[in-house]
C-alpha cells in the first residue's frame, strides 16, 4: 500500500510474524478453505452456516479452531469487553494483547531467520521487489530521497538492505529492546539517525518523512490502534511523502494467532480500516508468490494511498 496526504488536510502503513502467519497451512477451492488443523473440524458446521448466510467474508477463526462472526466481535471477546459463551481463553484486555507479543518476540532470535519466523530465505526476494518499487518512485521524482522511517524494524533488515541505499537519513522504530540493540550494531556505519524502542501503538514521531515504510507488522495492532497509528503517521509526511505498507492478508475474513497475538486480515477489512484512517488507496501491487506451499495467505500487497 502507498499513501499520500493531500494539501490542506495534513495539518487539520516475519518479516516479523511471517512464519507464524503461515503456520496455519490450508488448502482452498474457490472461496472455501479447508484447514489442515483437525481442531477446526469441531466448528465446521458454524463455518458452513456462515457461508450459507453469505457472511463468510466477515467471519474469522483463531488457531484453536474457535470462530467469530466478525472482527468486531473478535476484539470485544478477546479484549474482555464482551462475555464469551464459548468460554475461550482470551487475552482479556488490550494490555494483555500487547504483553503476549512482547513475551513471544523476546524468545525469538535476533537474526533474520528469527524475525522472519523461520522464513529467512524469503528476504532476498522481498528486498529485490521492494528495491525495484522504491527505485521507480525516486528516479521518477514522485518522492524525495530525504528521510525515511522503518516501522516495526526488527533488527533493521529492511533499513540495511533497502532504505539506507535509497534515502539520506533513516529512523527505525521497534518495540523489542534486544532487536533495537542488534540493529544498532548492524547499522552503526550507516546513516541511521534515530532508534526508537516503542510499539507502534505508542510511537510518537518527531519529524516528517518522505517515506514511511511499514512491513509485516500491522497484524500486531488492534483495529482501533491501527487507525490511530495511520492517522498519526499521515500527519508526519512531507508534502510529496508516501506511506508504503507491505502486509500479509487472508483471502477473506481474518485469522487470529493466539501464540504471538496477531491477526491476519483480508483486503476488505484493510480497506475499511484505511477509510476510517481517512486514507484512500490509489494504487495496489501484489508481490510474487514466494512460498507456493503456503496457500491460505496472500503475500500481501503494497498500496499507494492518498489522504481524503
Protein backbone atom coordinates (compact mmCIF):
# COMPACT_ATOMS: atom_id res chain seq x y z
CA UNK A 1 0.00 0.00 0.00
CA UNK A 2 1.19 3.52 -0.65
CA UNK A 3 -0.38 6.54 0.97
CA UNK A 4 -0.08 10.26 0.38
CA UNK A 5 -1.56 13.14 2.34
CA UNK A 6 -3.40 15.82 0.43
CA UNK A 7 -2.65 19.50 0.88
CA UNK A 8 -4.98 21.28 3.28
CA UNK A 9 -5.74 18.15 5.30
CA UNK A 10 -2.32 17.07 6.50
CA UNK A 11 -2.24 19.70 9.25
CA UNK A 12 -6.02 19.67 10.34
CA UNK A 13 1.21 1.55 6.59
CA UNK A 14 8.40 -12.19 9.74
CA UNK A 15 9.49 -10.24 8.48
CA UNK A 16 8.06 -10.25 11.87
CA UNK A 17 5.33 -12.82 12.15
CA UNK A 18 5.64 -14.14 8.61
CA UNK A 19 6.30 -17.71 9.66
CA UNK A 20 3.62 -17.60 12.32
CA UNK A 21 1.02 -16.28 9.91
CA UNK A 22 1.80 -19.14 7.57
CA UNK A 23 1.98 -21.95 10.11
CA UNK A 24 -1.80 -22.49 9.84
CA UNK A 25 -1.35 -24.04 6.43
CA UNK A 26 -4.51 -24.50 4.41
CA UNK A 27 -5.81 -25.58 1.04
CA UNK A 28 -8.67 -23.82 -0.72
CA UNK A 29 -11.09 -24.32 -3.58
CA UNK A 30 -12.63 -21.09 -4.78
CA UNK A 31 -13.79 -19.34 -1.63
CA UNK A 32 -13.92 -22.46 0.54
CA UNK A 33 -10.91 -23.08 2.77
CA UNK A 34 -10.08 -26.50 4.22
CA UNK A 35 -7.82 -26.06 7.23
CA UNK A 36 -5.44 -28.91 7.96
CA UNK A 37 -5.62 -28.43 11.71
CA UNK A 38 -8.06 -31.06 12.93
CA UNK A 39 -9.46 -28.90 15.69
CA UNK A 40 -11.02 -26.65 13.03
CA UNK A 41 -13.37 -29.53 12.21
CA UNK A 42 -15.15 -29.01 15.53
CA UNK A 43 -16.53 -25.76 14.16
CA UNK A 44 -17.16 -26.81 10.57
CA UNK A 45 -20.94 -26.57 10.97
CA UNK A 46 -20.60 -22.96 12.08
CA UNK A 47 -18.33 -22.34 9.10
CA UNK A 48 -20.85 -23.60 6.59
CA UNK A 49 -23.76 -21.87 8.29
CA UNK A 50 -21.96 -18.56 7.84
CA UNK A 51 -21.14 -19.48 4.29
CA UNK A 52 -24.81 -20.15 3.54
CA UNK A 53 -25.76 -16.86 5.19
CA UNK A 54 -23.32 -15.08 2.87
CA UNK A 55 -21.38 -13.87 5.91
CA UNK A 56 -18.21 -15.82 5.26
CA UNK A 57 -16.46 -12.70 4.00
CA UNK A 58 -16.68 -11.32 7.54
CA UNK A 59 -16.16 -14.27 9.88
CA UNK A 60 -12.83 -15.47 11.23
CA UNK A 61 -11.02 -18.09 13.28
CA UNK A 62 -8.25 -18.41 15.81
CA UNK A 63 -5.57 -21.09 15.72
CA UNK A 64 -7.50 -23.20 18.23
CA UNK A 65 -10.45 -23.52 15.84
CA UNK A 66 -12.70 -21.02 17.62
CA UNK A 67 -14.90 -18.93 15.35
CA UNK A 68 -16.02 -15.30 15.35
CA UNK A 69 -18.93 -13.83 13.41
CA UNK A 70 -16.91 -10.72 12.53
CA UNK A 71 -13.75 -8.91 13.54
CA UNK A 72 -15.54 -6.52 15.88
CA UNK A 73 -16.91 -9.45 17.87
CA UNK A 74 -13.41 -10.91 18.00
CA UNK A 75 -11.98 -7.75 19.54
CA UNK A 76 -14.86 -7.45 22.02
CA UNK A 77 -14.33 -11.05 23.17
CA UNK A 78 -10.54 -11.14 23.12
CA UNK A 79 -10.04 -7.80 24.86
CA UNK A 80 -12.58 -8.60 27.57
CA UNK A 81 -15.29 -6.16 26.55
CA UNK A 82 -17.88 -8.89 25.96
CA UNK A 83 -18.65 -12.17 27.71
CA UNK A 84 -17.74 -15.23 25.69
CA UNK A 85 -20.34 -18.04 25.54
CA UNK A 86 -17.71 -20.39 24.07
CA UNK A 87 -15.51 -19.87 27.15
CA UNK A 88 -12.40 -19.37 25.06
CA UNK A 89 -9.11 -18.48 26.66
CA UNK A 90 -8.79 -14.83 25.67
CA UNK A 91 -6.22 -12.08 26.07
CA UNK A 92 -8.55 -10.32 28.48
CA UNK A 93 -7.53 -6.76 27.70
CA UNK A 94 -5.65 -4.52 25.30
CA UNK A 95 -2.67 -4.70 27.63
CA UNK A 96 -2.86 -8.49 27.58
CA UNK A 97 -2.81 -8.47 23.78
CA UNK A 98 0.42 -6.47 23.60
CA UNK A 99 2.08 -8.25 26.52
CA UNK A 100 1.66 -11.57 24.70
CA UNK A 101 3.53 -10.14 21.72
CA UNK A 102 6.36 -8.86 23.86
CA UNK A 103 6.84 -12.24 25.52
CA UNK A 104 6.75 -14.03 22.18
CA UNK A 105 9.35 -11.86 20.49
CA UNK A 106 11.66 -11.77 23.49
CA UNK A 107 12.14 -15.51 22.90
CA UNK A 108 12.86 -15.21 19.16
CA UNK A 109 16.47 -14.97 17.99
CA UNK A 110 17.80 -11.58 16.95
CA UNK A 111 18.57 -12.84 13.44
CA UNK A 112 16.88 -12.51 10.06
CA UNK A 113 15.58 -16.05 10.39
CA UNK A 114 14.32 -15.30 13.89
CA UNK A 115 12.41 -12.13 12.99
CA UNK A 116 11.08 -13.74 9.81
CA UNK A 117 9.58 -16.63 11.75
CA UNK A 118 11.89 -19.20 10.16
CA UNK A 119 11.45 -17.86 6.63
CA UNK A 120 14.75 -16.03 6.29
CA UNK A 121 15.09 -17.45 2.79
CA UNK A 122 12.34 -15.07 1.63
CA UNK A 123 14.40 -11.99 2.48
CA UNK A 124 16.28 -11.62 -0.81
CA UNK A 125 13.11 -11.94 -2.91
CA UNK A 126 11.29 -9.49 -0.65
CA UNK A 127 14.06 -6.88 -0.77
CA UNK A 128 14.51 -7.18 -4.54
CA UNK A 129 10.85 -6.38 -5.21
CA UNK A 130 10.82 -3.51 -2.75
CA UNK A 131 14.04 -2.11 -4.19
CA UNK A 132 12.57 -2.02 -7.70
CA UNK A 133 9.48 -0.31 -6.36
CA UNK A 134 11.31 2.43 -4.46
CA UNK A 135 13.71 2.99 -7.34
CA UNK A 136 10.75 3.72 -9.61
CA UNK A 137 9.26 6.30 -7.23
CA UNK A 138 12.57 8.01 -6.51
CA UNK A 139 14.01 8.02 -10.05
CA UNK A 140 10.75 9.44 -11.40
CA UNK A 141 10.83 12.12 -8.68
CA UNK A 142 7.47 11.03 -7.28
CA UNK A 143 9.01 11.08 -3.80
CA UNK A 144 12.20 12.68 -2.50
CA UNK A 145 15.11 10.63 -1.18
CA UNK A 146 15.41 12.63 2.02
CA UNK A 147 14.20 10.92 5.20
CA UNK A 148 12.58 7.52 5.71
CA UNK A 149 11.37 5.59 8.74
CA UNK A 150 11.24 1.81 9.14
CA UNK A 151 8.24 0.91 11.31
CA UNK A 152 8.45 -2.43 13.11
CA UNK A 153 12.08 -2.63 12.03
CA UNK A 154 13.13 -5.76 13.90
CA UNK A 155 16.93 -5.97 13.70
CA UNK A 156 17.00 -3.47 10.83
CA UNK A 157 16.78 -5.88 7.88
CA UNK A 158 14.79 -3.53 5.64
CA UNK A 159 16.77 -0.49 6.72
CA UNK A 160 20.12 -2.15 5.98
CA UNK A 161 19.20 -3.87 2.72
CA UNK A 162 16.91 -1.21 1.30
CA UNK A 163 16.24 2.13 2.98
CA UNK A 164 19.82 3.31 3.66
CA UNK A 165 20.56 2.71 -0.03
CA UNK A 166 17.70 4.96 -1.11
CA UNK A 167 17.46 7.75 1.48
CA UNK A 168 19.82 10.26 3.05
CA UNK A 169 18.63 9.53 6.58
CA UNK A 170 16.62 6.74 8.18
CA UNK A 171 14.90 6.34 11.56
CA UNK A 172 13.77 2.99 12.93
CA UNK A 173 11.07 2.12 15.45
CA UNK A 174 10.93 -1.31 17.09
CA UNK A 175 9.33 -2.48 20.32
CA UNK A 176 11.75 -5.30 21.29
CA UNK A 177 14.82 -3.93 23.15
CA UNK A 178 17.16 -6.73 22.07
CA UNK A 179 16.24 -6.16 18.43
CA UNK A 180 16.97 -2.44 18.74
CA UNK A 181 20.39 -3.21 20.23
CA UNK A 182 21.15 -5.66 17.42
CA UNK A 183 20.01 -3.08 14.88
CA UNK A 184 22.41 -0.53 16.37
CA UNK A 185 25.27 -2.99 15.90
CA UNK A 186 24.36 -3.86 12.32
CA UNK A 187 23.64 -0.28 11.29
CA UNK A 188 26.45 1.53 13.11
CA UNK A 189 28.15 2.51 9.85
CA UNK A 190 25.00 3.68 8.12
CA UNK A 191 23.04 6.95 8.11
CA UNK A 192 20.50 5.92 10.77
CA UNK A 193 19.74 8.93 12.94
CA UNK A 194 17.14 7.80 15.50
CA UNK A 195 16.43 4.44 17.12
CA UNK A 196 13.03 4.40 18.83
CA UNK A 197 12.27 1.48 21.15
CA UNK A 198 8.49 1.59 21.11
CA UNK A 199 5.45 -0.32 19.98
CA UNK A 200 3.68 1.32 17.05
CA UNK A 201 0.60 1.80 19.22
CA UNK A 202 2.64 4.12 21.49
CA UNK A 203 5.05 5.65 18.99
CA UNK A 204 5.15 9.45 18.71
CA UNK A 205 7.00 10.63 15.58
CA UNK A 206 9.17 13.71 15.99
CA UNK A 207 9.69 14.77 12.39
CA UNK A 208 8.25 14.40 8.90
CA UNK A 209 9.19 11.71 6.41
CA UNK A 210 9.41 11.31 2.66
CA UNK A 211 8.90 7.57 3.06
CA UNK A 212 7.10 5.76 5.88
CA UNK A 213 7.81 2.06 5.40
CA UNK A 214 5.56 -0.38 7.31
CA UNK A 215 6.13 -4.06 6.62
CA UNK A 216 4.73 -7.24 8.17
CA UNK A 217 3.87 -5.59 11.47
CA UNK A 218 0.33 -4.16 11.26
CA UNK A 219 -1.13 -7.55 12.13
CA UNK A 220 0.07 -6.90 15.68
CA UNK A 221 -2.07 -3.79 16.17
CA UNK A 222 -5.69 -3.85 17.23
CA UNK A 223 -8.05 -2.25 14.69
CA UNK A 224 -8.52 0.80 16.90
CA UNK A 225 -4.79 1.30 17.41
CA UNK A 226 -4.12 0.71 13.72
CA UNK A 227 -6.48 3.52 12.71
CA UNK A 228 -4.92 5.89 15.23
CA UNK A 229 -1.40 4.93 14.12
CA UNK A 230 -2.14 5.52 10.42
CA UNK A 231 -3.77 8.87 11.13
CA UNK A 232 -0.78 9.90 13.22
CA UNK A 233 1.79 8.85 10.63
CA UNK A 234 -0.09 10.51 7.76
CA UNK A 235 0.28 13.80 9.62
CA UNK A 236 4.06 13.32 9.56
CA UNK A 237 4.51 13.02 5.81
CA UNK A 238 6.37 15.64 3.82
CA UNK A 239 4.48 17.36 1.00
CA UNK A 240 5.18 14.56 -1.51
CA UNK A 241 5.75 11.82 1.04
CA UNK A 242 4.24 8.35 0.83
CA UNK A 243 3.31 5.61 3.27
CA UNK A 244 4.30 2.18 1.97
CA UNK A 245 2.57 -0.80 3.55
CA UNK A 246 3.55 -4.37 2.80
CA UNK A 247 1.45 -6.85 4.72
CA UNK A 248 0.19 -10.42 4.80
CA UNK A 249 -3.50 -10.80 4.05
CA UNK A 250 -6.04 -13.60 4.08
CA UNK A 251 -8.21 -14.30 1.07
CA UNK A 252 -11.28 -13.48 3.13
CA UNK A 253 -12.22 -12.85 6.76
CA UNK A 254 -9.41 -12.98 9.31
CA UNK A 255 -7.28 -15.39 11.34
CA UNK A 256 -6.13 -14.79 14.93
CA UNK A 257 -2.86 -16.29 16.16
CA UNK A 258 -3.11 -16.77 19.91
CA UNK A 259 0.57 -17.64 20.30
CA UNK A 260 2.02 -14.30 19.21
CA UNK A 261 -1.16 -12.14 19.45
CA UNK A 262 -1.60 -11.21 15.81
CA UNK A 263 -4.50 -11.01 13.38
CA UNK A 264 -4.15 -11.54 9.64
CA UNK A 265 -6.83 -9.50 7.89
CA UNK A 266 -8.44 -9.64 4.45
CA UNK A 267 -8.16 -6.88 1.86
CA UNK A 268 -11.76 -5.94 2.61
CA UNK A 269 -11.02 -5.42 6.30
CA UNK A 270 -7.93 -3.38 5.46
CA UNK A 271 -9.91 -1.19 3.09
CA UNK A 272 -12.39 -0.36 5.85
CA UNK A 273 -9.52 0.46 8.21
CA UNK A 274 -7.97 2.76 5.62
CA UNK A 275 -11.29 4.54 5.16
CA UNK A 276 -11.53 5.10 8.92
CA UNK A 277 -7.96 6.40 8.82
CA UNK A 278 -9.07 8.96 6.19
CA UNK A 279 -6.80 7.33 3.64
CA UNK A 280 -7.65 6.39 0.09
CA UNK A 281 -5.92 3.65 -1.90
CA UNK A 282 -4.69 4.99 -5.22
CA UNK A 283 -2.53 2.03 -6.23
CA UNK A 284 -2.27 -1.65 -5.28
CA UNK A 285 0.53 -4.00 -6.27
CA UNK A 286 0.80 -7.70 -5.44
CA UNK A 287 4.09 -9.34 -4.63
CA UNK A 288 5.10 -12.56 -6.34
CA UNK A 289 4.14 -15.74 -4.52
CA UNK A 290 7.47 -16.70 -2.99
CA UNK A 291 6.02 -19.58 -0.98
CA UNK A 292 3.99 -21.88 -3.20
CA UNK A 293 3.06 -24.27 -0.40
CA UNK A 294 1.53 -21.56 1.77
CA UNK A 295 -1.81 -21.34 0.07
CA UNK A 296 -4.06 -19.82 2.68
CA UNK A 297 -2.31 -16.46 2.85
CA UNK A 298 -1.62 -13.99 0.09
CA UNK A 299 1.85 -12.45 0.38
CA UNK A 300 0.11 -9.14 0.65
CA UNK A 301 0.19 -6.00 -1.42
CA UNK A 302 1.87 -2.67 -1.46
CA UNK A 303 -0.52 0.21 -1.89
CA UNK A 304 -0.37 3.91 -2.54
CA UNK A 305 -2.97 5.72 -0.50
CA UNK A 306 -3.94 9.32 -0.55
CA UNK A 307 -5.45 11.13 2.39
CA UNK A 308 -9.04 12.16 1.70
